[in-house]
mmCIF file of all heavy atoms, coordinates in Angstrom:
data_MODEL
# 
_entry.id   MODEL 
# 
loop_
_atom_site.group_PDB 
_atom_site.id 
_atom_site.type_symbol 
_atom_site.label_atom_id 
_atom_site.label_alt_id 
_atom_site.label_comp_id 
_atom_site.label_asym_id 
_atom_site.label_entity_id 
_atom_site.label_seq_id 
_atom_site.pdbx_PDB_ins_code 
_atom_site.Cartn_x 
_atom_site.Cartn_y 
_atom_site.Cartn_z 
_atom_site.occupancy 
_atom_site.B_iso_or_equiv 
_atom_site.pdbx_formal_charge 
_atom_site.auth_seq_id 
_atom_site.auth_comp_id 
_atom_site.auth_asym_id 
_atom_site.auth_atom_id 
_atom_site.pdbx_PDB_model_num 
ATOM 1   N N   . LEU A 1 1  ? 179.256 48.993 172.217 1.00 0.00 ? 1  LEU A N   1 
ATOM 2   C CA  . LEU A 1 1  ? 179.111 50.230 172.978 1.00 0.00 ? 1  LEU A CA  1 
ATOM 3   C C   . LEU A 1 1  ? 180.490 50.645 173.455 1.00 0.00 ? 1  LEU A C   1 
ATOM 4   O O   . LEU A 1 1  ? 181.182 49.859 174.106 1.00 0.00 ? 1  LEU A O   1 
ATOM 5   C CB  . LEU A 1 1  ? 178.194 50.053 174.191 1.00 0.00 ? 1  LEU A CB  1 
ATOM 6   C CG  . LEU A 1 1  ? 178.075 51.282 175.117 1.00 0.00 ? 1  LEU A CG  1 
ATOM 7   C CD1 . LEU A 1 1  ? 177.330 52.417 174.413 1.00 0.00 ? 1  LEU A CD1 1 
ATOM 8   C CD2 . LEU A 1 1  ? 177.397 50.916 176.416 1.00 0.00 ? 1  LEU A CD2 1 
ATOM 9   N N   . VAL A 1 2  ? 180.871 51.878 173.110 1.00 0.00 ? 2  VAL A N   1 
ATOM 10  C CA  . VAL A 1 2  ? 182.117 52.453 173.616 1.00 0.00 ? 2  VAL A CA  1 
ATOM 11  C C   . VAL A 1 2  ? 181.795 53.092 174.965 1.00 0.00 ? 2  VAL A C   1 
ATOM 12  O O   . VAL A 1 2  ? 180.951 53.972 175.048 1.00 0.00 ? 2  VAL A O   1 
ATOM 13  C CB  . VAL A 1 2  ? 182.695 53.506 172.643 1.00 0.00 ? 2  VAL A CB  1 
ATOM 14  C CG1 . VAL A 1 2  ? 183.926 54.162 173.248 1.00 0.00 ? 2  VAL A CG1 1 
ATOM 15  C CG2 . VAL A 1 2  ? 183.024 52.876 171.300 1.00 0.00 ? 2  VAL A CG2 1 
ATOM 16  N N   . VAL A 1 3  ? 182.461 52.605 176.003 1.00 0.00 ? 3  VAL A N   1 
ATOM 17  C CA  . VAL A 1 3  ? 182.238 53.127 177.358 1.00 0.00 ? 3  VAL A CA  1 
ATOM 18  C C   . VAL A 1 3  ? 183.333 54.145 177.666 1.00 0.00 ? 3  VAL A C   1 
ATOM 19  O O   . VAL A 1 3  ? 184.514 53.836 177.610 1.00 0.00 ? 3  VAL A O   1 
ATOM 20  C CB  . VAL A 1 3  ? 182.254 51.985 178.392 1.00 0.00 ? 3  VAL A CB  1 
ATOM 21  C CG1 . VAL A 1 3  ? 182.099 52.540 179.802 1.00 0.00 ? 3  VAL A CG1 1 
ATOM 22  C CG2 . VAL A 1 3  ? 181.155 50.978 178.084 1.00 0.00 ? 3  VAL A CG2 1 
ATOM 23  N N   . GLU A 1 4  ? 182.883 55.347 177.961 1.00 0.00 ? 4  GLU A N   1 
ATOM 24  C CA  . GLU A 1 4  ? 183.801 56.428 178.322 1.00 0.00 ? 4  GLU A CA  1 
ATOM 25  C C   . GLU A 1 4  ? 183.531 56.831 179.765 1.00 0.00 ? 4  GLU A C   1 
ATOM 26  O O   . GLU A 1 4  ? 182.580 56.341 180.387 1.00 0.00 ? 4  GLU A O   1 
ATOM 27  C CB  . GLU A 1 4  ? 183.602 57.613 177.375 1.00 0.00 ? 4  GLU A CB  1 
ATOM 28  C CG  . GLU A 1 4  ? 183.891 57.229 175.930 1.00 0.00 ? 4  GLU A CG  1 
ATOM 29  C CD  . GLU A 1 4  ? 183.560 58.325 174.949 1.00 0.00 ? 4  GLU A CD  1 
ATOM 30  O OE1 . GLU A 1 4  ? 182.446 58.852 174.992 1.00 0.00 ? 4  GLU A OE1 1 
ATOM 31  O OE2 . GLU A 1 4  ? 184.448 58.637 174.145 1.00 0.00 ? 4  GLU A OE2 1 
ATOM 32  N N   . LYS A 1 5  ? 184.337 57.721 180.285 1.00 0.00 ? 5  LYS A N   1 
ATOM 33  C CA  . LYS A 1 5  ? 184.170 58.160 181.676 1.00 0.00 ? 5  LYS A CA  1 
ATOM 34  C C   . LYS A 1 5  ? 182.784 58.746 181.914 1.00 0.00 ? 5  LYS A C   1 
ATOM 35  O O   . LYS A 1 5  ? 182.226 58.611 182.995 1.00 0.00 ? 5  LYS A O   1 
ATOM 36  C CB  . LYS A 1 5  ? 185.233 59.196 182.043 1.00 0.00 ? 5  LYS A CB  1 
ATOM 37  C CG  . LYS A 1 5  ? 186.618 58.622 182.126 1.00 0.00 ? 5  LYS A CG  1 
ATOM 38  C CD  . LYS A 1 5  ? 187.637 59.693 182.420 1.00 0.00 ? 5  LYS A CD  1 
ATOM 39  C CE  . LYS A 1 5  ? 189.024 59.071 182.395 1.00 0.00 ? 5  LYS A CE  1 
ATOM 40  N NZ  . LYS A 1 5  ? 190.088 60.041 182.400 1.00 0.00 ? 5  LYS A NZ  1 
ATOM 41  N N   . GLU A 1 6  ? 182.230 59.388 180.901 1.00 0.00 ? 6  GLU A N   1 
ATOM 42  C CA  . GLU A 1 6  ? 180.928 60.048 181.032 1.00 0.00 ? 6  GLU A CA  1 
ATOM 43  C C   . GLU A 1 6  ? 179.755 59.097 180.826 1.00 0.00 ? 6  GLU A C   1 
ATOM 44  O O   . GLU A 1 6  ? 178.603 59.495 181.017 1.00 0.00 ? 6  GLU A O   1 
ATOM 45  C CB  . GLU A 1 6  ? 180.790 61.193 180.021 1.00 0.00 ? 6  GLU A CB  1 
ATOM 46  C CG  . GLU A 1 6  ? 181.910 62.219 180.055 1.00 0.00 ? 6  GLU A CG  1 
ATOM 47  C CD  . GLU A 1 6  ? 183.138 61.781 179.260 1.00 0.00 ? 6  GLU A CD  1 
ATOM 48  O OE1 . GLU A 1 6  ? 182.995 61.100 178.233 1.00 0.00 ? 6  GLU A OE1 1 
ATOM 49  O OE2 . GLU A 1 6  ? 184.247 62.117 179.696 1.00 0.00 ? 6  GLU A OE2 1 
ATOM 50  N N   . THR A 1 7  ? 180.010 57.869 180.401 1.00 0.00 ? 7  THR A N   1 
ATOM 51  C CA  . THR A 1 7  ? 178.920 56.936 180.123 1.00 0.00 ? 7  THR A CA  1 
ATOM 52  C C   . THR A 1 7  ? 178.224 56.554 181.424 1.00 0.00 ? 7  THR A C   1 
ATOM 53  O O   . THR A 1 7  ? 178.869 56.108 182.374 1.00 0.00 ? 7  THR A O   1 
ATOM 54  C CB  . THR A 1 7  ? 179.455 55.669 179.424 1.00 0.00 ? 7  THR A CB  1 
ATOM 55  O OG1 . THR A 1 7  ? 180.194 56.044 178.263 1.00 0.00 ? 7  THR A OG1 1 
ATOM 56  C CG2 . THR A 1 7  ? 178.322 54.757 179.011 1.00 0.00 ? 7  THR A CG2 1 
ATOM 57  N N   . ALA A 1 8  ? 176.917 56.712 181.446 1.00 0.00 ? 8  ALA A N   1 
ATOM 58  C CA  . ALA A 1 8  ? 176.134 56.395 182.646 1.00 0.00 ? 8  ALA A CA  1 
ATOM 59  C C   . ALA A 1 8  ? 176.088 54.892 182.874 1.00 0.00 ? 8  ALA A C   1 
ATOM 60  O O   . ALA A 1 8  ? 176.044 54.102 181.925 1.00 0.00 ? 8  ALA A O   1 
ATOM 61  C CB  . ALA A 1 8  ? 174.715 56.935 182.498 1.00 0.00 ? 8  ALA A CB  1 
ATOM 62  N N   . LEU A 1 9  ? 176.097 54.503 184.125 1.00 0.00 ? 9  LEU A N   1 
ATOM 63  C CA  . LEU A 1 9  ? 176.025 53.099 184.492 1.00 0.00 ? 9  LEU A CA  1 
ATOM 64  C C   . LEU A 1 9  ? 174.760 52.449 183.932 1.00 0.00 ? 9  LEU A C   1 
ATOM 65  O O   . LEU A 1 9  ? 174.791 51.314 183.461 1.00 0.00 ? 9  LEU A O   1 
ATOM 66  C CB  . LEU A 1 9  ? 176.073 52.966 186.017 1.00 0.00 ? 9  LEU A CB  1 
ATOM 67  C CG  . LEU A 1 9  ? 176.263 51.577 186.585 1.00 0.00 ? 9  LEU A CG  1 
ATOM 68  C CD1 . LEU A 1 9  ? 177.559 50.955 186.078 1.00 0.00 ? 9  LEU A CD1 1 
ATOM 69  C CD2 . LEU A 1 9  ? 176.259 51.628 188.092 1.00 0.00 ? 9  LEU A CD2 1 
ATOM 70  N N   . ALA A 1 10 ? 173.663 53.185 183.951 1.00 0.00 ? 10 ALA A N   1 
ATOM 71  C CA  . ALA A 1 10 ? 172.397 52.671 183.408 1.00 0.00 ? 10 ALA A CA  1 
ATOM 72  C C   . ALA A 1 10 ? 172.516 52.377 181.916 1.00 0.00 ? 10 ALA A C   1 
ATOM 73  O O   . ALA A 1 10 ? 171.955 51.387 181.429 1.00 0.00 ? 10 ALA A O   1 
ATOM 74  C CB  . ALA A 1 10 ? 171.274 53.663 183.667 1.00 0.00 ? 10 ALA A CB  1 
ATOM 75  N N   . GLU A 1 11 ? 173.244 53.210 181.188 1.00 0.00 ? 11 GLU A N   1 
ATOM 76  C CA  . GLU A 1 11 ? 173.429 52.990 179.753 1.00 0.00 ? 11 GLU A CA  1 
ATOM 77  C C   . GLU A 1 11 ? 174.243 51.717 179.505 1.00 0.00 ? 11 GLU A C   1 
ATOM 78  O O   . GLU A 1 11 ? 173.939 50.951 178.586 1.00 0.00 ? 11 GLU A O   1 
ATOM 79  C CB  . GLU A 1 11 ? 174.131 54.195 179.123 1.00 0.00 ? 11 GLU A CB  1 
ATOM 80  C CG  . GLU A 1 11 ? 174.281 54.103 177.626 1.00 0.00 ? 11 GLU A CG  1 
ATOM 81  C CD  . GLU A 1 11 ? 174.974 55.302 177.010 1.00 0.00 ? 11 GLU A CD  1 
ATOM 82  O OE1 . GLU A 1 11 ? 175.266 56.278 177.722 1.00 0.00 ? 11 GLU A OE1 1 
ATOM 83  O OE2 . GLU A 1 11 ? 175.237 55.246 175.794 1.00 0.00 ? 11 GLU A OE2 1 
ATOM 84  N N   . ILE A 1 12 ? 175.262 51.492 180.316 1.00 0.00 ? 12 ILE A N   1 
ATOM 85  C CA  . ILE A 1 12 ? 176.084 50.277 180.181 1.00 0.00 ? 12 ILE A CA  1 
ATOM 86  C C   . ILE A 1 12 ? 175.236 49.044 180.453 1.00 0.00 ? 12 ILE A C   1 
ATOM 87  O O   . ILE A 1 12 ? 175.240 48.080 179.683 1.00 0.00 ? 12 ILE A O   1 
ATOM 88  C CB  . ILE A 1 12 ? 177.289 50.328 181.144 1.00 0.00 ? 12 ILE A CB  1 
ATOM 89  C CG1 . ILE A 1 12 ? 178.198 51.506 180.811 1.00 0.00 ? 12 ILE A CG1 1 
ATOM 90  C CG2 . ILE A 1 12 ? 178.063 49.020 181.111 1.00 0.00 ? 12 ILE A CG2 1 
ATOM 91  C CD1 . ILE A 1 12 ? 179.246 51.808 181.865 1.00 0.00 ? 12 ILE A CD1 1 
ATOM 92  N N   . GLU A 1 13 ? 174.489 49.092 181.534 1.00 0.00 ? 13 GLU A N   1 
ATOM 93  C CA  . GLU A 1 13 ? 173.651 47.954 181.905 1.00 0.00 ? 13 GLU A CA  1 
ATOM 94  C C   . GLU A 1 13 ? 172.560 47.708 180.868 1.00 0.00 ? 13 GLU A C   1 
ATOM 95  O O   . GLU A 1 13 ? 172.274 46.561 180.516 1.00 0.00 ? 13 GLU A O   1 
ATOM 96  C CB  . GLU A 1 13 ? 173.042 48.176 183.285 1.00 0.00 ? 13 GLU A CB  1 
ATOM 97  C CG  . GLU A 1 13 ? 172.437 46.940 183.863 1.00 0.00 ? 13 GLU A CG  1 
ATOM 98  C CD  . GLU A 1 13 ? 172.054 47.091 185.320 1.00 0.00 ? 13 GLU A CD  1 
ATOM 99  O OE1 . GLU A 1 13 ? 172.623 47.953 186.024 1.00 0.00 ? 13 GLU A OE1 1 
ATOM 100 O OE2 . GLU A 1 13 ? 171.168 46.322 185.746 1.00 0.00 ? 13 GLU A OE2 1 
ATOM 101 N N   . ASP A 1 14 ? 171.945 48.767 180.359 1.00 0.00 ? 14 ASP A N   1 
ATOM 102 C CA  . ASP A 1 14 ? 170.914 48.625 179.330 1.00 0.00 ? 14 ASP A CA  1 
ATOM 103 C C   . ASP A 1 14 ? 171.482 47.989 178.062 1.00 0.00 ? 14 ASP A C   1 
ATOM 104 O O   . ASP A 1 14 ? 170.844 47.122 177.456 1.00 0.00 ? 14 ASP A O   1 
ATOM 105 C CB  . ASP A 1 14 ? 170.284 49.974 178.986 1.00 0.00 ? 14 ASP A CB  1 
ATOM 106 C CG  . ASP A 1 14 ? 169.390 50.509 180.096 1.00 0.00 ? 14 ASP A CG  1 
ATOM 107 O OD1 . ASP A 1 14 ? 169.049 49.738 181.021 1.00 0.00 ? 14 ASP A OD1 1 
ATOM 108 O OD2 . ASP A 1 14 ? 169.046 51.711 180.039 1.00 0.00 ? 14 ASP A OD2 1 
ATOM 109 N N   . ALA A 1 15 ? 172.673 48.426 177.656 1.00 0.00 ? 15 ALA A N   1 
ATOM 110 C CA  . ALA A 1 15 ? 173.308 47.847 176.469 1.00 0.00 ? 15 ALA A CA  1 
ATOM 111 C C   . ALA A 1 15 ? 173.598 46.372 176.691 1.00 0.00 ? 15 ALA A C   1 
ATOM 112 O O   . ALA A 1 15 ? 173.324 45.530 175.819 1.00 0.00 ? 15 ALA A O   1 
ATOM 113 C CB  . ALA A 1 15 ? 174.590 48.600 176.131 1.00 0.00 ? 15 ALA A CB  1 
ATOM 114 N N   . PHE A 1 16 ? 174.140 46.027 177.858 1.00 0.00 ? 16 PHE A N   1 
ATOM 115 C CA  . PHE A 1 16 ? 174.438 44.627 178.175 1.00 0.00 ? 16 PHE A CA  1 
ATOM 116 C C   . PHE A 1 16 ? 173.169 43.784 178.117 1.00 0.00 ? 16 PHE A C   1 
ATOM 117 O O   . PHE A 1 16 ? 173.135 42.742 177.466 1.00 0.00 ? 16 PHE A O   1 
ATOM 118 C CB  . PHE A 1 16 ? 175.095 44.527 179.558 1.00 0.00 ? 16 PHE A CB  1 
ATOM 119 C CG  . PHE A 1 16 ? 175.367 43.115 179.989 1.00 0.00 ? 16 PHE A CG  1 
ATOM 120 C CD1 . PHE A 1 16 ? 176.399 42.387 179.413 1.00 0.00 ? 16 PHE A CD1 1 
ATOM 121 C CD2 . PHE A 1 16 ? 174.590 42.514 180.969 1.00 0.00 ? 16 PHE A CD2 1 
ATOM 122 C CE1 . PHE A 1 16 ? 176.647 41.084 179.805 1.00 0.00 ? 16 PHE A CE1 1 
ATOM 123 C CE2 . PHE A 1 16 ? 174.833 41.212 181.367 1.00 0.00 ? 16 PHE A CE2 1 
ATOM 124 C CZ  . PHE A 1 16 ? 175.866 40.495 180.784 1.00 0.00 ? 16 PHE A CZ  1 
ATOM 125 N N   . ARG A 1 17 ? 172.115 44.253 178.762 1.00 0.00 ? 17 ARG A N   1 
ATOM 126 C CA  . ARG A 1 17 ? 170.859 43.491 178.773 1.00 0.00 ? 17 ARG A CA  1 
ATOM 127 C C   . ARG A 1 17 ? 170.256 43.382 177.364 1.00 0.00 ? 17 ARG A C   1 
ATOM 128 O O   . ARG A 1 17 ? 169.692 42.349 177.005 1.00 0.00 ? 17 ARG A O   1 
ATOM 129 C CB  . ARG A 1 17 ? 169.864 44.119 179.733 1.00 0.00 ? 17 ARG A CB  1 
ATOM 130 C CG  . ARG A 1 17 ? 170.269 43.953 181.186 1.00 0.00 ? 17 ARG A CG  1 
ATOM 131 C CD  . ARG A 1 17 ? 169.189 44.518 182.126 1.00 0.00 ? 17 ARG A CD  1 
ATOM 132 N NE  . ARG A 1 17 ? 169.665 44.665 183.480 1.00 0.00 ? 17 ARG A NE  1 
ATOM 133 C CZ  . ARG A 1 17 ? 169.761 43.688 184.374 1.00 0.00 ? 17 ARG A CZ  1 
ATOM 134 N NH1 . ARG A 1 17 ? 169.426 42.473 184.027 1.00 0.00 ? 17 ARG A NH1 1 
ATOM 135 N NH2 . ARG A 1 17 ? 170.196 43.924 185.600 1.00 0.00 ? 17 ARG A NH2 1 
ATOM 136 N N   . SER A 1 18 ? 170.392 44.431 176.570 1.00 0.00 ? 18 SER A N   1 
ATOM 137 C CA  . SER A 1 18 ? 169.855 44.363 175.203 1.00 0.00 ? 18 SER A CA  1 
ATOM 138 C C   . SER A 1 18 ? 170.635 43.365 174.357 1.00 0.00 ? 18 SER A C   1 
ATOM 139 O O   . SER A 1 18 ? 170.056 42.650 173.539 1.00 0.00 ? 18 SER A O   1 
ATOM 140 C CB  . SER A 1 18 ? 169.829 45.739 174.545 1.00 0.00 ? 18 SER A CB  1 
ATOM 141 O OG  . SER A 1 18 ? 171.119 46.160 174.169 1.00 0.00 ? 18 SER A OG  1 
ATOM 142 N N   . PHE A 1 19 ? 171.954 43.283 174.564 1.00 0.00 ? 19 PHE A N   1 
ATOM 143 C CA  . PHE A 1 19 ? 172.752 42.290 173.841 1.00 0.00 ? 19 PHE A CA  1 
ATOM 144 C C   . PHE A 1 19 ? 172.329 40.869 174.229 1.00 0.00 ? 19 PHE A C   1 
ATOM 145 O O   . PHE A 1 19 ? 172.285 39.976 173.388 1.00 0.00 ? 19 PHE A O   1 
ATOM 146 C CB  . PHE A 1 19 ? 174.249 42.472 174.111 1.00 0.00 ? 19 PHE A CB  1 
ATOM 147 C CG  . PHE A 1 19 ? 174.836 43.743 173.559 1.00 0.00 ? 19 PHE A CG  1 
ATOM 148 C CD1 . PHE A 1 19 ? 175.976 44.290 174.125 1.00 0.00 ? 19 PHE A CD1 1 
ATOM 149 C CD2 . PHE A 1 19 ? 174.268 44.412 172.484 1.00 0.00 ? 19 PHE A CD2 1 
ATOM 150 C CE1 . PHE A 1 19 ? 176.546 45.454 173.622 1.00 0.00 ? 19 PHE A CE1 1 
ATOM 151 C CE2 . PHE A 1 19 ? 174.812 45.581 171.977 1.00 0.00 ? 19 PHE A CE2 1 
ATOM 152 C CZ  . PHE A 1 19 ? 175.951 46.107 172.551 1.00 0.00 ? 19 PHE A CZ  1 
ATOM 153 N N   . LEU A 1 20 ? 172.007 40.658 175.496 1.00 0.00 ? 20 LEU A N   1 
ATOM 154 C CA  . LEU A 1 20 ? 171.583 39.338 175.947 1.00 0.00 ? 20 LEU A CA  1 
ATOM 155 C C   . LEU A 1 20 ? 170.253 38.929 175.327 1.00 0.00 ? 20 LEU A C   1 
ATOM 156 O O   . LEU A 1 20 ? 170.012 37.737 175.120 1.00 0.00 ? 20 LEU A O   1 
ATOM 157 C CB  . LEU A 1 20 ? 171.449 39.307 177.471 1.00 0.00 ? 20 LEU A CB  1 
ATOM 158 C CG  . LEU A 1 20 ? 172.703 39.507 178.301 1.00 0.00 ? 20 LEU A CG  1 
ATOM 159 C CD1 . LEU A 1 20 ? 172.384 39.381 179.787 1.00 0.00 ? 20 LEU A CD1 1 
ATOM 160 C CD2 . LEU A 1 20 ? 173.807 38.539 177.908 1.00 0.00 ? 20 LEU A CD2 1 
ATOM 161 N N   . CYS A 1 21 ? 169.402 39.892 175.035 1.00 0.00 ? 21 CYS A N   1 
ATOM 162 C CA  . CYS A 1 21 ? 168.068 39.597 174.497 1.00 0.00 ? 21 CYS A CA  1 
ATOM 163 C C   . CYS A 1 21 ? 168.046 39.435 172.979 1.00 0.00 ? 21 CYS A C   1 
ATOM 164 O O   . CYS A 1 21 ? 167.066 38.923 172.434 1.00 0.00 ? 21 CYS A O   1 
ATOM 165 C CB  . CYS A 1 21 ? 167.094 40.701 174.889 1.00 0.00 ? 21 CYS A CB  1 
ATOM 166 S SG  . CYS A 1 21 ? 166.792 40.781 176.656 1.00 0.00 ? 21 CYS A SG  1 
ATOM 167 N N   . ARG A 1 22 ? 169.102 39.872 172.318 1.00 0.00 ? 22 ARG A N   1 
ATOM 168 C CA  . ARG A 1 22 ? 169.103 39.811 170.850 1.00 0.00 ? 22 ARG A CA  1 
ATOM 169 C C   . ARG A 1 22 ? 169.404 38.397 170.365 1.00 0.00 ? 22 ARG A C   1 
ATOM 170 O O   . ARG A 1 22 ? 170.339 37.746 170.814 1.00 0.00 ? 22 ARG A O   1 
ATOM 171 C CB  . ARG A 1 22 ? 170.138 40.784 170.284 1.00 0.00 ? 22 ARG A CB  1 
ATOM 172 C CG  . ARG A 1 22 ? 169.668 42.213 170.360 1.00 0.00 ? 22 ARG A CG  1 
ATOM 173 C CD  . ARG A 1 22 ? 170.663 43.204 169.848 1.00 0.00 ? 22 ARG A CD  1 
ATOM 174 N NE  . ARG A 1 22 ? 171.237 42.909 168.555 1.00 0.00 ? 22 ARG A NE  1 
ATOM 175 C CZ  . ARG A 1 22 ? 172.080 43.702 167.927 1.00 0.00 ? 22 ARG A CZ  1 
ATOM 176 N NH1 . ARG A 1 22 ? 172.435 44.853 168.468 1.00 0.00 ? 22 ARG A NH1 1 
ATOM 177 N NH2 . ARG A 1 22 ? 172.580 43.357 166.758 1.00 0.00 ? 22 ARG A NH2 1 
ATOM 178 N N   . GLU A 1 23 ? 168.574 37.934 169.436 1.00 0.00 ? 23 GLU A N   1 
ATOM 179 C CA  . GLU A 1 23 ? 168.715 36.587 168.873 1.00 0.00 ? 23 GLU A CA  1 
ATOM 180 C C   . GLU A 1 23 ? 169.946 36.449 167.978 1.00 0.00 ? 23 GLU A C   1 
ATOM 181 O O   . GLU A 1 23 ? 170.430 35.347 167.763 1.00 0.00 ? 23 GLU A O   1 
ATOM 182 C CB  . GLU A 1 23 ? 167.469 36.227 168.053 1.00 0.00 ? 23 GLU A CB  1 
ATOM 183 C CG  . GLU A 1 23 ? 166.221 36.078 168.893 1.00 0.00 ? 23 GLU A CG  1 
ATOM 184 C CD  . GLU A 1 23 ? 166.249 34.844 169.768 1.00 0.00 ? 23 GLU A CD  1 
ATOM 185 O OE1 . GLU A 1 23 ? 166.761 33.806 169.317 1.00 0.00 ? 23 GLU A OE1 1 
ATOM 186 O OE2 . GLU A 1 23 ? 165.771 34.928 170.916 1.00 0.00 ? 23 GLU A OE2 1 
ATOM 187 N N   . ASP A 1 24 ? 170.451 37.581 167.457 1.00 0.00 ? 24 ASP A N   1 
ATOM 188 C CA  . ASP A 1 24 ? 171.562 37.525 166.511 1.00 0.00 ? 24 ASP A CA  1 
ATOM 189 C C   . ASP A 1 24 ? 172.935 37.581 167.185 1.00 0.00 ? 24 ASP A C   1 
ATOM 190 O O   . ASP A 1 24 ? 173.957 37.547 166.514 1.00 0.00 ? 24 ASP A O   1 
ATOM 191 C CB  . ASP A 1 24 ? 171.446 38.649 165.475 1.00 0.00 ? 24 ASP A CB  1 
ATOM 192 C CG  . ASP A 1 24 ? 171.478 40.045 166.082 1.00 0.00 ? 24 ASP A CG  1 
ATOM 193 O OD1 . ASP A 1 24 ? 171.183 40.184 167.290 1.00 0.00 ? 24 ASP A OD1 1 
ATOM 194 O OD2 . ASP A 1 24 ? 171.771 40.998 165.342 1.00 0.00 ? 24 ASP A OD2 1 
# 
């Protein structure tokens, strides 16, 4: 995920949590 100034905090957190849940 490329985080830019406009990236919402919720989007960053959702991406982080989704990476933690992925088996790969």
